[in-house]
Protein backbone atom coordinates (compact mmCIF):
# COMPACT_ATOMS: atom_id res chain seq x y z
CA MET A 1 -15.20 49.76 27.62
CA GLN A 2 -17.38 50.08 24.55
CA LEU A 3 -20.72 48.28 24.80
CA PRO A 4 -20.18 45.94 21.80
CA ILE A 5 -17.03 44.61 23.49
CA LEU A 6 -18.81 44.08 26.81
CA ARG A 7 -21.70 42.43 24.94
CA SER A 8 -19.33 39.97 23.26
CA ILE A 9 -17.79 39.06 26.64
CA ALA A 10 -21.28 38.53 28.05
CA LEU A 11 -22.43 36.38 25.13
CA VAL A 12 -19.42 34.11 25.47
CA ALA A 13 -19.62 33.82 29.27
CA VAL A 14 -23.40 33.38 29.44
CA GLY A 15 -23.39 31.15 26.36
CA ASN A 16 -20.93 28.77 27.98
CA ALA A 17 -23.13 28.62 31.06
CA ALA A 18 -26.21 27.93 28.91
CA LEU A 19 -24.44 25.14 27.02
CA ALA A 20 -23.57 23.60 30.39
CA GLY A 21 -27.27 23.53 31.29
CA ARG A 22 -27.70 26.72 33.30
CA ASP A 23 -30.97 28.68 33.03
CA VAL A 24 -30.13 32.03 31.41
CA ALA A 25 -33.66 33.07 30.44
CA GLY A 26 -33.37 36.44 32.22
CA PHE A 27 -30.23 37.51 30.38
CA TYR A 28 -31.89 38.96 27.27
CA PRO A 29 -33.43 41.45 27.00
CA GLY A 30 -33.36 42.08 30.74
CA ASP A 31 -29.65 42.79 31.18
CA PRO A 32 -28.77 46.54 31.21
CA ILE A 33 -26.32 46.07 28.34
CA PHE A 34 -29.39 45.63 26.12
CA ARG A 35 -31.15 48.75 27.39
CA TYR A 36 -30.95 50.47 24.00
CA THR A 37 -31.14 47.30 21.89
CA LYS A 38 -34.25 46.87 19.77
CA SER A 39 -33.24 43.53 18.31
CA LEU A 40 -30.36 41.08 18.51
CA ASP A 41 -30.35 38.53 15.71
CA PHE A 42 -27.99 35.84 14.52
CA MET A 43 -27.56 35.50 10.77
CA SER A 44 -25.69 33.33 8.28
CA PRO A 45 -24.87 34.04 4.61
CA ARG A 46 -26.71 32.42 1.73
CA GLN A 47 -25.12 31.53 -1.60
CA GLN A 48 -27.10 34.33 -3.25
CA GLY A 49 -25.31 36.87 -1.09
CA ASN A 50 -28.06 37.84 1.34
CA LEU A 51 -28.39 36.67 4.94
CA ALA A 52 -30.50 33.91 6.43
CA HIS A 53 -32.02 34.32 9.86
CA VAL A 54 -30.62 31.80 12.37
CA ALA A 55 -31.92 32.90 15.76
CA SER A 56 -33.76 35.73 17.54
CA GLY A 57 -31.95 36.65 20.73
CA PRO A 58 -29.21 34.86 22.66
CA LYS A 59 -31.42 32.22 24.30
CA ASP A 60 -32.65 31.01 20.91
CA TRP A 61 -29.08 31.00 19.58
CA PHE A 62 -27.68 29.15 22.59
CA GLY A 63 -30.42 26.54 22.26
CA LYS A 64 -29.66 25.92 18.60
CA LEU A 65 -25.93 25.72 19.30
CA LYS A 66 -26.60 23.10 21.97
CA LYS A 67 -28.72 21.01 19.59
CA ARG A 68 -25.78 21.01 17.18
CA SER A 69 -23.48 19.73 19.95
CA CYS A 70 -21.49 22.94 20.27
CA ARG A 71 -18.72 22.41 22.81
CA GLY A 72 -18.46 26.02 23.88
CA LEU A 73 -17.77 29.61 22.93
CA ARG A 74 -14.49 31.51 22.86
CA LEU A 75 -13.59 35.11 22.10
CA HIS A 76 -10.87 36.40 19.78
CA HIS A 77 -9.84 39.75 18.36
CA ALA A 78 -8.62 40.44 14.86
CA PRO A 79 -6.94 43.53 13.40
CA MET A 80 -9.11 46.45 12.43
CA GLN A 81 -9.68 46.86 8.71
CA GLN A 82 -7.56 49.85 7.74
CA ASN A 83 -8.59 52.41 5.12
CA LYS A 84 -5.63 52.71 2.77
CA GLN A 85 -6.67 56.25 1.79
CA PHE A 86 -5.96 57.51 5.30
CA GLY A 87 -2.89 55.42 6.04
CA HIS A 88 -2.39 53.41 9.21
CA VAL A 89 -4.42 54.47 12.26
CA ASP A 90 -3.85 52.94 15.70
CA GLU A 91 -6.82 50.79 16.69
CA ARG A 92 -7.17 52.56 20.03
CA MET A 93 -7.83 55.85 18.22
CA LEU A 94 -11.02 54.55 16.59
CA VAL A 95 -12.28 52.18 19.26
CA GLY A 96 -14.84 54.75 20.42
CA LEU A 97 -16.52 54.88 17.00
CA VAL A 98 -19.16 52.43 15.75
CA GLY A 99 -17.30 49.70 13.91
CA GLY A 100 -13.90 51.06 14.96
CA GLY A 101 -11.09 49.38 16.83
CA PRO A 102 -10.21 45.68 16.82
CA ARG A 103 -12.72 43.19 15.46
CA TRP A 104 -14.16 40.95 18.19
CA LEU A 105 -15.03 37.47 16.95
CA ILE A 106 -17.00 34.78 18.79
CA GLU A 107 -15.86 31.24 18.05
CA THR A 108 -18.42 28.44 18.37
CA VAL A 109 -16.45 25.23 18.84
CA TYR A 110 -17.56 21.85 17.50
CA SER A 111 -15.85 18.45 17.52
CA ASP A 112 -13.86 18.94 14.30
CA TYR A 113 -14.19 22.61 13.34
CA SER A 114 -15.28 26.03 14.55
CA GLU A 115 -17.49 28.83 13.28
CA LEU A 116 -16.66 32.53 13.63
CA TRP A 117 -19.33 35.14 14.33
CA GLU A 118 -18.88 38.91 14.20
CA GLY A 119 -21.15 41.56 15.69
CA PHE A 120 -22.56 44.52 13.78
CA ASP A 121 -24.76 47.44 14.88
CA ARG A 122 -26.89 49.92 12.99
CA ILE A 123 -29.33 52.60 14.06
CA GLY A 124 -33.02 51.93 13.61
CA ASP A 125 -35.71 54.34 14.79
CA LYS A 126 -33.96 57.32 16.38
CA ASP A 127 -37.30 58.42 17.86
CA ASP A 128 -38.13 55.12 19.54
CA PRO A 129 -40.09 56.05 22.72
CA GLU A 130 -38.03 53.60 24.79
CA LYS A 131 -34.77 54.80 23.19
CA LYS A 132 -34.18 51.31 21.82
CA ILE A 133 -32.48 52.55 18.69
CA TRP A 134 -29.92 49.82 18.00
CA LEU A 135 -30.51 46.96 15.60
CA SER A 136 -27.74 44.48 16.35
CA ALA A 137 -26.73 41.22 14.75
CA TYR A 138 -24.00 38.62 14.87
CA VAL A 139 -23.17 37.25 11.45
CA LEU A 140 -21.48 33.96 10.66
CA ILE A 141 -18.40 35.05 8.71
CA GLY A 142 -16.75 31.69 8.16
CA GLU A 143 -15.40 28.39 9.43
CA ALA A 144 -11.94 27.54 10.72
CA ALA A 145 -9.99 24.79 12.38
CA SER A 146 -10.50 24.90 16.14
CA ALA A 147 -7.50 26.36 17.94
CA GLU A 148 -5.66 23.76 20.00
CA THR A 149 -4.56 26.37 22.54
CA PHE A 150 -6.03 29.68 23.63
CA ASP A 151 -5.21 32.25 26.28
CA THR A 152 -6.84 31.67 29.67
CA GLY A 153 -3.97 32.99 31.79
CA VAL A 154 -5.88 35.19 34.23
CA ARG A 155 -2.87 35.75 36.50
CA ALA A 156 -0.52 36.59 33.64
CA ALA A 157 -3.10 38.92 32.11
CA ALA A 158 -3.53 40.62 35.50
CA VAL A 159 0.23 41.21 35.68
CA ASP A 160 0.19 42.70 32.17
CA LEU A 161 -2.73 44.94 33.07
CA ARG A 162 -1.10 46.13 36.29
CA ASP A 163 2.07 47.03 34.38
CA GLY A 164 0.06 48.88 31.74
CA LEU A 165 -1.96 50.77 34.34
CA LEU A 166 1.16 51.83 36.25
CA MET A 167 2.86 53.00 33.05
CA ALA A 168 -0.15 55.06 31.97
CA GLU A 169 -0.78 56.39 35.49
CA ALA A 170 2.76 57.77 35.67
CA VAL A 171 2.11 59.70 32.45
CA ALA A 172 -1.35 60.80 33.59
CA ARG A 173 0.06 62.38 36.76
CA GLU A 174 2.03 64.77 34.59
CA ILE A 175 -1.14 65.99 32.83
CA GLU A 176 -2.91 68.61 34.91
CA GLY A 177 -6.66 69.04 35.07
CA LYS A 178 -7.57 65.53 33.87
CA PRO A 179 -9.05 62.65 35.90
CA PHE A 180 -7.14 59.80 34.28
CA ALA A 181 -4.57 59.23 37.04
CA GLU A 182 -7.36 58.61 39.56
CA MET A 183 -9.23 56.37 37.12
CA LEU A 184 -6.16 54.25 36.47
CA ALA A 185 -5.33 54.05 40.17
CA GLY A 186 -8.91 52.92 40.79
CA ALA A 187 -8.44 50.15 38.26
CA ARG A 188 -5.36 48.95 40.13
CA GLU A 189 -7.31 48.93 43.39
CA THR A 190 -10.03 46.88 41.71
CA LEU A 191 -7.42 44.43 40.48
CA ASP A 192 -6.32 44.04 44.10
CA GLY A 193 -9.86 43.14 45.11
CA LYS A 194 -10.72 46.42 46.80
CA VAL A 195 -14.34 47.56 46.52
CA SER A 196 -14.86 50.12 43.76
CA ALA A 197 -17.93 51.36 41.94
CA GLN A 198 -18.17 49.97 38.42
CA PRO A 199 -18.73 52.21 35.41
CA TYR A 200 -20.37 49.37 33.46
CA PRO A 201 -23.33 47.11 34.16
CA LEU A 202 -22.12 43.60 34.99
CA GLU A 203 -25.42 41.96 35.91
CA PHE A 204 -24.77 39.27 33.31
CA LEU A 205 -22.28 37.72 35.74
CA GLN A 206 -25.20 36.23 37.68
CA TYR A 207 -25.84 33.94 34.70
CA ALA A 208 -22.21 33.09 34.00
CA THR A 209 -19.79 30.77 35.76
CA MET A 210 -16.75 32.99 36.20
CA LYS A 211 -14.08 32.57 38.85
CA PRO A 212 -13.49 35.46 41.30
CA GLU A 213 -10.04 36.28 39.91
CA ALA A 214 -11.50 36.55 36.40
CA GLU A 215 -14.29 38.80 37.69
CA ARG A 216 -11.70 41.08 39.30
CA LEU A 217 -9.78 41.23 36.05
CA LEU A 218 -12.96 42.14 34.16
CA LYS A 219 -13.86 44.87 36.65
CA ALA A 220 -10.34 46.28 36.60
CA ALA A 221 -10.35 46.32 32.81
CA GLY A 222 -13.64 48.17 32.89
CA ARG A 223 -12.28 50.76 35.30
CA GLY A 224 -9.07 51.17 33.32
CA TRP A 225 -10.65 51.36 29.87
CA VAL A 226 -9.90 55.02 29.24
CA PHE A 227 -9.96 54.74 25.45
CA GLY A 228 -12.84 56.20 23.51
CA ALA A 229 -13.86 59.26 21.53
CA MET A 230 -14.08 62.91 22.62
CA GLY A 231 -12.94 63.50 26.18
CA SER A 232 -11.16 60.16 26.44
CA TRP A 233 -7.48 59.32 26.83
CA ASN A 234 -7.27 59.36 23.02
CA ASP A 235 -8.39 62.99 22.99
CA LEU A 236 -5.55 64.28 25.14
CA GLY A 237 -3.18 66.91 23.85
CA VAL A 238 0.17 66.30 25.54
CA GLU A 239 3.38 68.29 25.51
CA PRO A 240 5.94 67.23 22.87
CA ALA A 241 8.39 66.14 25.56
CA LEU A 242 5.78 63.80 27.06
CA LYS A 243 4.45 62.46 23.75
CA PRO A 244 6.84 59.46 23.39
CA ARG A 245 5.97 58.21 26.88
CA TYR A 246 2.27 58.86 26.28
CA ASP A 247 2.33 56.86 23.05
CA ALA A 248 4.27 53.98 24.62
CA ALA A 249 1.98 53.87 27.66
CA SER A 250 -1.13 54.01 25.45
CA LYS A 251 0.10 51.08 23.37
CA ALA A 252 0.99 48.99 26.43
CA LEU A 253 -2.28 49.68 28.24
CA PHE A 254 -4.49 49.08 25.22
CA SER A 255 -2.72 45.78 24.52
CA ALA A 256 -3.10 44.69 28.15
CA LEU A 257 -6.80 45.59 28.16
CA GLN A 258 -7.41 43.60 25.00
CA ARG A 259 -5.72 40.58 26.54
CA ALA A 260 -7.78 40.97 29.70
CA VAL A 261 -11.01 40.94 27.68
CA ILE A 262 -10.00 37.77 25.83
CA VAL A 263 -8.81 35.95 28.94
CA VAL A 264 -11.89 36.84 30.99
CA ALA A 265 -14.27 35.55 28.33
CA ASN A 266 -12.27 32.42 27.55
CA SER A 267 -11.86 31.54 31.22
CA THR A 268 -15.53 30.44 31.10
CA TYR A 269 -14.90 27.86 28.37
CA ARG A 270 -15.20 24.32 29.72
CA GLU A 271 -14.73 21.63 27.08
């Protein structure tokens, strides 16, 4: 799972805990997901076209949201902006690139409307001695009516993910010399609650209030997130006879993983 996606999950989950009164002071910058982050700011547009600084770091942002009587945070995804010059490109094919893949939007919910925030990353000092090269920001991109319903179906999302993993695993077992079948099987085991090492830091869970079944879904999604750049599932060259099944399995798995991400984050929303 790409770090910006994991970061958005963490901000929603930890933000909901902070709004409920939990102490989350150790979350930023101490969490490993911020290991290479130099700054994390929250910005809003001005009429002149430039950006106004809203908050420095999540704790500052959470505090200001609470003062404005924010009810909670939710996560959504929106379609990737396609480049018409290149024609349509599947979102999974670019998810490993900075700014590629679906857009992940954080909704801050108020009594009669919501705000939408989108994350952006750019490289700062490549020679930073602590390797903190990323300058990150979440920008307020607009307001919207608060959604009356949103997906929190952990069990249904787990069923979708299991189906997607099985479909992709069956294809992966026909591709010799690649580790994806074992990775996908490991994700299924994680979904079943079996102990498995995690490829991503999940220390932020100590600050969140997430139910065990949602944690399992998050861990399974992390294990089964085989989409990326070079060397990933996207980078496979498959035989023509296998290509239709590979494409169908890729689509099903990527869709199930996206749903898992949304459901896990939104399961922490308590109005």
